[in-house]
């Protein structure tokens, strides 16, 4: 069965261009001109990935993603001309997995789509069971992809969870932003520093006792990040 992608974009030229490139890769692309149309299509069909603009007629892309996240953990890519840091932070914070700004090279978008799908499929087939970490405050278990903070379940989007698991499984090892982007987003040589930093920021807010002075996800100035606690 081919990969099925929902593409929500009101600009017909961009919509057609993206669809052409993704169809060349064997994907089935269903285009929508508005968020409302996209939600209707999501209610009638199952999709493997969503690509959406932010600036749409009627409901905007942010509200669309919030609605989708209530029902699905599918990979979501923002594709937009809004490049302000606060827009990127907001988009990734509400559940977007990646954020690509216009204008863009279609080949780069295709690479990011492939990487998001590859990560999503790998996550669904991972059946590891034992606890990766449990120190009384933070508990992480692969079985069920469960994260507890202070005994309460923590809701982590896919990329935040993947970042946490990867750093946990390589304790004390320092990773550059480019290395983390390549490993988690799966793109060699197409690093997006802001994407990694925003996900780290949100992850810290959810798992650290004091996000301003993190004990788990530690910054090594000039080098990158590491998981800093001892077992």
C-alpha atoms as a PDB file:
ATOM      1  CA  UNK A   1       0.000   0.000   0.000  1.00  0.00           C
ATOM      2  CA  UNK A   2       1.390   3.436  -0.938  1.00  0.00           C
ATOM      3  CA  UNK A   3       1.949   6.194   1.572  1.00  0.00           C
ATOM      4  CA  UNK A   4      -1.041   8.514   1.819  1.00  0.00           C
ATOM      5  CA  UNK A   5      -0.380  12.193   2.482  1.00  0.00           C
ATOM      6  CA  UNK A   6      -2.844  14.997   3.165  1.00  0.00           C
ATOM      7  CA  UNK A   7      -1.592  18.309   1.763  1.00  0.00           C
ATOM      8  CA  UNK A   8      -3.368  21.446   3.012  1.00  0.00           C
ATOM      9  CA  UNK A   9      -2.270  24.491   0.986  1.00  0.00           C
ATOM     10  CA  UNK A  10      -4.362  27.308  -0.503  1.00  0.00           C
ATOM     11  CA  UNK A  11      -1.799  28.318  -3.152  1.00  0.00           C
ATOM     12  CA  UNK A  12      -2.595  26.169  -6.179  1.00  0.00           C
ATOM     13  CA  UNK A  13       0.889  26.451  -7.718  1.00  0.00           C
ATOM     14  CA  UNK A  14       2.647  25.313  -4.526  1.00  0.00           C
ATOM     15  CA  UNK A  15       0.054  22.618  -3.938  1.00  0.00           C
ATOM     16  CA  UNK A  16       0.525  21.213  -7.440  1.00  0.00           C
ATOM     17  CA  UNK A  17       4.343  21.391  -7.261  1.00  0.00           C
ATOM     18  CA  UNK A  18       4.542  19.553  -3.932  1.00  0.00           C
ATOM     19  CA  UNK A  19       2.055  16.946  -5.105  1.00  0.00           C
ATOM     20  CA  UNK A  20       4.071  16.285  -8.276  1.00  0.00           C
ATOM     21  CA  UNK A  21       7.312  15.689  -6.372  1.00  0.00           C
ATOM     22  CA  UNK A  22       5.704  13.453  -3.735  1.00  0.00           C
ATOM     23  CA  UNK A  23       3.819  11.420  -6.338  1.00  0.00           C
ATOM     24  CA  UNK A  24       7.111  10.788  -8.107  1.00  0.00           C
ATOM     25  CA  UNK A  25       8.172   9.032  -4.895  1.00  0.00           C
ATOM     26  CA  UNK A  26       5.128   6.779  -5.026  1.00  0.00           C
ATOM     27  CA  UNK A  27       3.045   8.683  -2.482  1.00  0.00           C
ATOM     28  CA  UNK A  28      -0.668   9.220  -2.802  1.00  0.00           C
ATOM     29  CA  UNK A  29      -1.302  12.929  -2.224  1.00  0.00           C
ATOM     30  CA  UNK A  30      -4.767  14.250  -1.415  1.00  0.00           C
ATOM     31  CA  UNK A  31      -4.851  18.055  -1.712  1.00  0.00           C
ATOM     32  CA  UNK A  32      -7.062  20.352   0.350  1.00  0.00           C
ATOM     33  CA  UNK A  33      -7.511  24.104  -0.122  1.00  0.00           C
ATOM     34  CA  UNK A  34      -8.487  24.883   3.472  1.00  0.00           C
ATOM     35  CA  UNK A  35      -8.175  23.559   7.006  1.00  0.00           C
ATOM     36  CA  UNK A  36     -11.883  22.853   7.098  1.00  0.00           C
ATOM     37  CA  UNK A  37     -11.644  20.717   3.973  1.00  0.00           C
ATOM     38  CA  UNK A  38      -8.599  18.963   5.421  1.00  0.00           C
ATOM     39  CA  UNK A  39     -10.431  18.100   8.660  1.00  0.00           C
ATOM     40  CA  UNK A  40     -13.330  16.733   6.660  1.00  0.00           C
ATOM     41  CA  UNK A  41     -10.979  14.517   4.658  1.00  0.00           C
ATOM     42  CA  UNK A  42      -9.262  13.327   7.858  1.00  0.00           C
ATOM     43  CA  UNK A  43     -12.645  12.317   9.218  1.00  0.00           C
ATOM     44  CA  UNK A  44     -13.322  10.154   6.165  1.00  0.00           C
ATOM     45  CA  UNK A  45      -9.902   8.621   5.430  1.00  0.00           C
ATOM     46  CA  UNK A  46      -6.707   7.482   7.171  1.00  0.00           C
ATOM     47  CA  UNK A  47      -3.458   9.290   6.392  1.00  0.00           C
ATOM     48  CA  UNK A  48       0.203   8.590   7.098  1.00  0.00           C
ATOM     49  CA  UNK A  49       1.329  12.230   7.207  1.00  0.00           C
ATOM     50  CA  UNK A  50      -0.028  15.784   7.116  1.00  0.00           C
ATOM     51  CA  UNK A  51       1.619  18.762   5.416  1.00  0.00           C
ATOM     52  CA  UNK A  52      -0.020  22.102   6.097  1.00  0.00           C
ATOM     53  CA  UNK A  53       0.497  25.801   5.577  1.00  0.00           C
ATOM     54  CA  UNK A  54      -0.202  28.113   8.524  1.00  0.00           C
ATOM     55  CA  UNK A  55      -1.851  31.001   6.680  1.00  0.00           C
ATOM     56  CA  UNK A  56      -5.044  29.501   5.293  1.00  0.00           C
ATOM     57  CA  UNK A  57      -8.486  30.933   4.543  1.00  0.00           C
ATOM     58  CA  UNK A  58     -10.817  30.491   7.508  1.00  0.00           C
ATOM     59  CA  UNK A  59      -9.244  28.245  10.136  1.00  0.00           C
ATOM     60  CA  UNK A  60      -5.464  28.613  10.168  1.00  0.00           C
ATOM     61  CA  UNK A  61      -2.908  25.804  10.145  1.00  0.00           C
ATOM     62  CA  UNK A  62      -2.147  26.086  13.861  1.00  0.00           C
ATOM     63  CA  UNK A  63      -5.767  25.387  14.778  1.00  0.00           C
ATOM     64  CA  UNK A  64      -5.829  22.553  12.259  1.00  0.00           C
ATOM     65  CA  UNK A  65      -2.812  20.876  13.882  1.00  0.00           C
ATOM     66  CA  UNK A  66      -4.325  21.268  17.362  1.00  0.00           C
ATOM     67  CA  UNK A  67      -7.476  19.538  16.133  1.00  0.00           C
ATOM     68  CA  UNK A  68      -5.501  16.765  14.436  1.00  0.00           C
ATOM     69  CA  UNK A  69      -3.388  16.134  17.529  1.00  0.00           C
ATOM     70  CA  UNK A  70      -6.565  15.383  19.497  1.00  0.00           C
ATOM     71  CA  UNK A  71      -7.152  12.348  17.304  1.00  0.00           C
ATOM     72  CA  UNK A  72      -3.852  11.299  15.747  1.00  0.00           C
ATOM     73  CA  UNK A  73      -0.092  11.066  16.317  1.00  0.00           C
ATOM     74  CA  UNK A  74       0.708  11.063  12.594  1.00  0.00           C
ATOM     75  CA  UNK A  75       3.785  13.081  11.546  1.00  0.00           C
ATOM     76  CA  UNK A  76       2.938  16.717  10.781  1.00  0.00           C
ATOM     77  CA  UNK A  77       5.061  19.120   8.731  1.00  0.00           C
ATOM     78  CA  UNK A  78       4.424  22.845   8.603  1.00  0.00           C
ATOM     79  CA  UNK A  79       5.176  24.397   5.200  1.00  0.00           C
ATOM     80  CA  UNK A  80       4.891  28.167   5.507  1.00  0.00           C
ATOM     81  CA  UNK A  81       6.328  31.584   4.753  1.00  0.00           C
ATOM     82  CA  UNK A  82       6.100  32.567   8.423  1.00  0.00           C
ATOM     83  CA  UNK A  83       9.717  32.493   9.593  1.00  0.00           C
ATOM     84  CA  UNK A  84       9.571  34.407  12.890  1.00  0.00           C
ATOM     85  CA  UNK A  85      11.056  32.426  15.820  1.00  0.00           C
ATOM     86  CA  UNK A  86       7.793  32.693  17.767  1.00  0.00           C
ATOM     87  CA  UNK A  87       5.917  31.058  14.878  1.00  0.00           C
ATOM     88  CA  UNK A  88       8.390  28.172  14.744  1.00  0.00           C
ATOM     89  CA  UNK A  89       8.222  27.743  18.526  1.00  0.00           C
ATOM     90  CA  UNK A  90       4.422  27.776  18.426  1.00  0.00           C
ATOM     91  CA  UNK A  91       4.189  25.339  15.528  1.00  0.00           C
ATOM     92  CA  UNK A  92       6.530  22.776  17.041  1.00  0.00           C
ATOM     93  CA  UNK A  93       5.049  23.315  20.492  1.00  0.00           C
ATOM     94  CA  UNK A  94       1.514  22.341  19.483  1.00  0.00           C
ATOM     95  CA  UNK A  95       2.638  19.083  17.919  1.00  0.00           C
ATOM     96  CA  UNK A  96       4.349  19.784  14.616  1.00  0.00           C
ATOM     97  CA  UNK A  97       7.221  17.400  13.876  1.00  0.00           C
ATOM     98  CA  UNK A  98       9.046  19.653  11.446  1.00  0.00           C
ATOM     99  CA  UNK A  99       8.844  23.185  10.044  1.00  0.00           C
ATOM    100  CA  UNK A 100       9.988  24.149   6.563  1.00  0.00           C
ATOM    101  CA  UNK A 101       9.876  27.740   5.379  1.00  0.00           C
ATOM    102  CA  UNK A 102       8.961  29.060   1.941  1.00  0.00           C
ATOM    103  CA  UNK A 103      10.586  29.352  -0.483  1.00  0.00           C
ATOM    104  CA  UNK A 104      12.058  25.853  -0.313  1.00  0.00           C
ATOM    105  CA  UNK A 105      13.616  23.303  -2.604  1.00  0.00           C
ATOM    106  CA  UNK A 106      11.070  20.560  -3.375  1.00  0.00           C
ATOM    107  CA  UNK A 107      13.782  17.927  -2.953  1.00  0.00           C
ATOM    108  CA  UNK A 108      14.387  19.124   0.616  1.00  0.00           C
ATOM    109  CA  UNK A 109      10.689  18.861   1.422  1.00  0.00           C
ATOM    110  CA  UNK A 110      10.609  15.333  -0.011  1.00  0.00           C
ATOM    111  CA  UNK A 111      13.637  14.376   2.102  1.00  0.00           C
ATOM    112  CA  UNK A 112      11.961  15.666   5.244  1.00  0.00           C
ATOM    113  CA  UNK A 113       8.740  13.835   4.432  1.00  0.00           C
ATOM    114  CA  UNK A 114      10.655  10.583   3.943  1.00  0.00           C
ATOM    115  CA  UNK A 115      12.499  11.065   7.215  1.00  0.00           C
ATOM    116  CA  UNK A 116       9.303  11.794   9.153  1.00  0.00           C
ATOM    117  CA  UNK A 117       7.635   8.693   7.735  1.00  0.00           C
ATOM    118  CA  UNK A 118      10.674   6.540   8.452  1.00  0.00           C
ATOM    119  CA  UNK A 119      10.768   7.686  12.077  1.00  0.00           C
ATOM    120  CA  UNK A 120       7.047   7.182  12.497  1.00  0.00           C
ATOM    121  CA  UNK A 121       7.158   3.620  11.163  1.00  0.00           C
ATOM    122  CA  UNK A 122      10.167   2.764  13.284  1.00  0.00           C
ATOM    123  CA  UNK A 123       8.374   4.041  16.368  1.00  0.00           C
ATOM    124  CA  UNK A 124       5.342   1.829  15.719  1.00  0.00           C
ATOM    125  CA  UNK A 125       7.473  -1.325  15.369  1.00  0.00           C
ATOM    126  CA  UNK A 126       9.654  -0.766  18.443  1.00  0.00           C
ATOM    127  CA  UNK A 127       8.556  -3.277  21.070  1.00  0.00           C
ATOM    128  CA  UNK A 128      11.279  -2.778  23.691  1.00  0.00           C
ATOM    129  CA  UNK A 129       9.879  -3.386  27.155  1.00  0.00           C
ATOM    130  CA  UNK A 130      12.176  -2.567  30.068  1.00  0.00           C
ATOM    131  CA  UNK A 131      12.474   0.796  31.753  1.00  0.00           C
ATOM    132  CA  UNK A 132      15.105   2.997  30.162  1.00  0.00           C
ATOM    133  CA  UNK A 133      15.242   5.275  33.212  1.00  0.00           C
ATOM    134  CA  UNK A 134      13.597   5.604  36.614  1.00  0.00           C
ATOM    135  CA  UNK A 135      15.064   7.787  39.347  1.00  0.00           C
ATOM    136  CA  UNK A 136      11.872   8.474  41.269  1.00  0.00           C
ATOM    137  CA  UNK A 137      11.132  11.742  39.501  1.00  0.00           C
ATOM    138  CA  UNK A 138      11.527  10.827  35.836  1.00  0.00           C
ATOM    139  CA  UNK A 139      10.522   7.364  34.618  1.00  0.00           C
ATOM    140  CA  UNK A 140      10.784   6.373  30.957  1.00  0.00           C
ATOM    141  CA  UNK A 141       9.651   3.020  29.584  1.00  0.00           C
ATOM    142  CA  UNK A 142       9.744   1.902  25.968  1.00  0.00           C
ATOM    143  CA  UNK A 143       6.794  -0.404  26.513  1.00  0.00           C
ATOM    144  CA  UNK A 144       3.833   1.766  25.671  1.00  0.00           C
ATOM    145  CA  UNK A 145       6.232   4.697  25.159  1.00  0.00           C
ATOM    146  CA  UNK A 146       5.397   5.831  28.676  1.00  0.00           C
ATOM    147  CA  UNK A 147       6.950   8.819  30.422  1.00  0.00           C
ATOM    148  CA  UNK A 148       6.120   9.694  34.034  1.00  0.00           C
ATOM    149  CA  UNK A 149       7.213  12.915  35.710  1.00  0.00           C
ATOM    150  CA  UNK A 150       6.694  13.085  39.454  1.00  0.00           C
ATOM    151  CA  UNK A 151       4.454  10.035  39.151  1.00  0.00           C
ATOM    152  CA  UNK A 152       2.121  11.662  36.601  1.00  0.00           C
ATOM    153  CA  UNK A 153       1.985  10.781  32.887  1.00  0.00           C
ATOM    154  CA  UNK A 154       3.689  13.325  30.649  1.00  0.00           C
ATOM    155  CA  UNK A 155       2.415  13.945  27.143  1.00  0.00           C
ATOM    156  CA  UNK A 156       5.351  14.163  24.745  1.00  0.00           C
ATOM    157  CA  UNK A 157       5.019  14.592  20.982  1.00  0.00           C
ATOM    158  CA  UNK A 158       6.891  12.032  18.925  1.00  0.00           C
ATOM    159  CA  UNK A 159      10.049  14.046  18.327  1.00  0.00           C
ATOM    160  CA  UNK A 160      10.381  15.092  21.993  1.00  0.00           C
ATOM    161  CA  UNK A 161      10.061  11.454  23.031  1.00  0.00           C
ATOM    162  CA  UNK A 162      12.593  10.327  20.441  1.00  0.00           C
ATOM    163  CA  UNK A 163      15.060  12.987  21.608  1.00  0.00           C
ATOM    164  CA  UNK A 164      14.648  11.926  25.229  1.00  0.00           C
ATOM    165  CA  UNK A 165      15.061   8.225  24.453  1.00  0.00           C
ATOM    166  CA  UNK A 166      18.116   8.816  22.290  1.00  0.00           C
ATOM    167  CA  UNK A 167      19.886  10.931  24.898  1.00  0.00           C
ATOM    168  CA  UNK A 168      18.935   8.462  27.650  1.00  0.00           C
ATOM    169  CA  UNK A 169      20.372   5.564  25.700  1.00  0.00           C
ATOM    170  CA  UNK A 170      23.687   7.431  25.292  1.00  0.00           C
ATOM    171  CA  UNK A 171      24.295   8.823  28.791  1.00  0.00           C
ATOM    172  CA  UNK A 172      27.024  11.436  29.200  1.00  0.00           C
ATOM    173  CA  UNK A 173      27.719  11.506  25.457  1.00  0.00           C
ATOM    174  CA  UNK A 174      27.603  15.005  23.985  1.00  0.00           C
ATOM    175  CA  UNK A 175      25.733  15.455  20.695  1.00  0.00           C
ATOM    176  CA  UNK A 176      25.859  18.503  18.480  1.00  0.00           C
ATOM    177  CA  UNK A 177      22.636  20.040  17.187  1.00  0.00           C
ATOM    178  CA  UNK A 178      23.450  18.720  13.705  1.00  0.00           C
ATOM    179  CA  UNK A 179      23.978  15.185  15.052  1.00  0.00           C
ATOM    180  CA  UNK A 180      20.665  15.239  16.908  1.00  0.00           C
ATOM    181  CA  UNK A 181      18.831  16.578  13.886  1.00  0.00           C
ATOM    182  CA  UNK A 182      20.328  13.902  11.649  1.00  0.00           C
ATOM    183  CA  UNK A 183      19.498  11.127  14.120  1.00  0.00           C
ATOM    184  CA  UNK A 184      15.977  12.170  15.108  1.00  0.00           C
ATOM    185  CA  UNK A 185      14.791  13.788  11.889  1.00  0.00           C
ATOM    186  CA  UNK A 186      16.867  11.500   9.706  1.00  0.00           C
ATOM    187  CA  UNK A 187      18.313  14.124   7.381  1.00  0.00           C
ATOM    188  CA  UNK A 188      22.018  14.146   6.647  1.00  0.00           C
ATOM    189  CA  UNK A 189      23.325  17.610   5.872  1.00  0.00           C
ATOM    190  CA  UNK A 190      19.975  19.439   6.142  1.00  0.00           C
ATOM    191  CA  UNK A 191      20.322  20.543   9.743  1.00  0.00           C
ATOM    192  CA  UNK A 192      17.791  22.946  11.260  1.00  0.00           C
ATOM    193  CA  UNK A 193      19.221  24.255  14.511  1.00  0.00           C
ATOM    194  CA  UNK A 194      16.026  26.013  15.577  1.00  0.00           C
ATOM    195  CA  UNK A 195      13.966  22.828  15.318  1.00  0.00           C
ATOM    196  CA  UNK A 196      16.241  20.941  17.718  1.00  0.00           C
ATOM    197  CA  UNK A 197      16.489  23.832  20.167  1.00  0.00           C
ATOM    198  CA  UNK A 198      12.717  24.352  20.294  1.00  0.00           C
ATOM    199  CA  UNK A 199      12.113  20.656  20.974  1.00  0.00           C
ATOM    200  CA  UNK A 200      14.770  20.658  23.708  1.00  0.00           C
ATOM    201  CA  UNK A 201      13.127  23.744  25.244  1.00  0.00           C
ATOM    202  CA  UNK A 202       9.689  22.107  25.366  1.00  0.00           C
ATOM    203  CA  UNK A 203      11.120  18.827  26.624  1.00  0.00           C
ATOM    204  CA  UNK A 204      12.868  20.556  29.499  1.00  0.00           C
ATOM    205  CA  UNK A 205       9.653  22.318  30.524  1.00  0.00           C
ATOM    206  CA  UNK A 206       7.941  18.947  30.818  1.00  0.00           C
ATOM    207  CA  UNK A 207      10.565  16.816  32.584  1.00  0.00           C
ATOM    208  CA  UNK A 208      12.838  19.113  34.578  1.00  0.00           C
ATOM    209  CA  UNK A 209      12.116  20.231  38.143  1.00  0.00           C
ATOM    210  CA  UNK A 210      13.722  23.554  37.251  1.00  0.00           C
ATOM    211  CA  UNK A 211      13.795  24.061  33.456  1.00  0.00           C
ATOM    212  CA  UNK A 212      16.044  27.113  33.870  1.00  0.00           C
ATOM    213  CA  UNK A 213      18.658  24.891  35.514  1.00  0.00           C
ATOM    214  CA  UNK A 214      18.207  21.538  33.785  1.00  0.00           C
ATOM    215  CA  UNK A 215      19.547  18.380  35.378  1.00  0.00           C
ATOM    216  CA  UNK A 216      18.531  15.903  32.672  1.00  0.00           C
ATOM    217  CA  UNK A 217      18.998  17.610  29.298  1.00  0.00           C
ATOM    218  CA  UNK A 218      22.208  19.552  29.862  1.00  0.00           C
ATOM    219  CA  UNK A 219      23.755  22.118  27.539  1.00  0.00           C
ATOM    220  CA  UNK A 220      27.484  21.724  26.930  1.00  0.00           C
ATOM    221  CA  UNK A 221      28.363  25.195  25.704  1.00  0.00           C
ATOM    222  CA  UNK A 222      30.055  25.270  22.348  1.00  0.00           C
ATOM    223  CA  UNK A 223      29.334  21.578  21.724  1.00  0.00           C
ATOM    224  CA  UNK A 224      25.682  20.598  22.140  1.00  0.00           C
ATOM    225  CA  UNK A 225      23.574  18.563  24.559  1.00  0.00           C
ATOM    226  CA  UNK A 226      23.860  15.476  26.729  1.00  0.00           C
ATOM    227  CA  UNK A 227      21.824  13.520  29.252  1.00  0.00           C
ATOM    228  CA  UNK A 228      23.442  14.692  32.466  1.00  0.00           C
ATOM    229  CA  UNK A 229      22.136  12.573  35.330  1.00  0.00           C
ATOM    230  CA  UNK A 230      23.883   9.514  36.738  1.00  0.00           C
ATOM    231  CA  UNK A 231      22.018   6.290  37.334  1.00  0.00           C
END
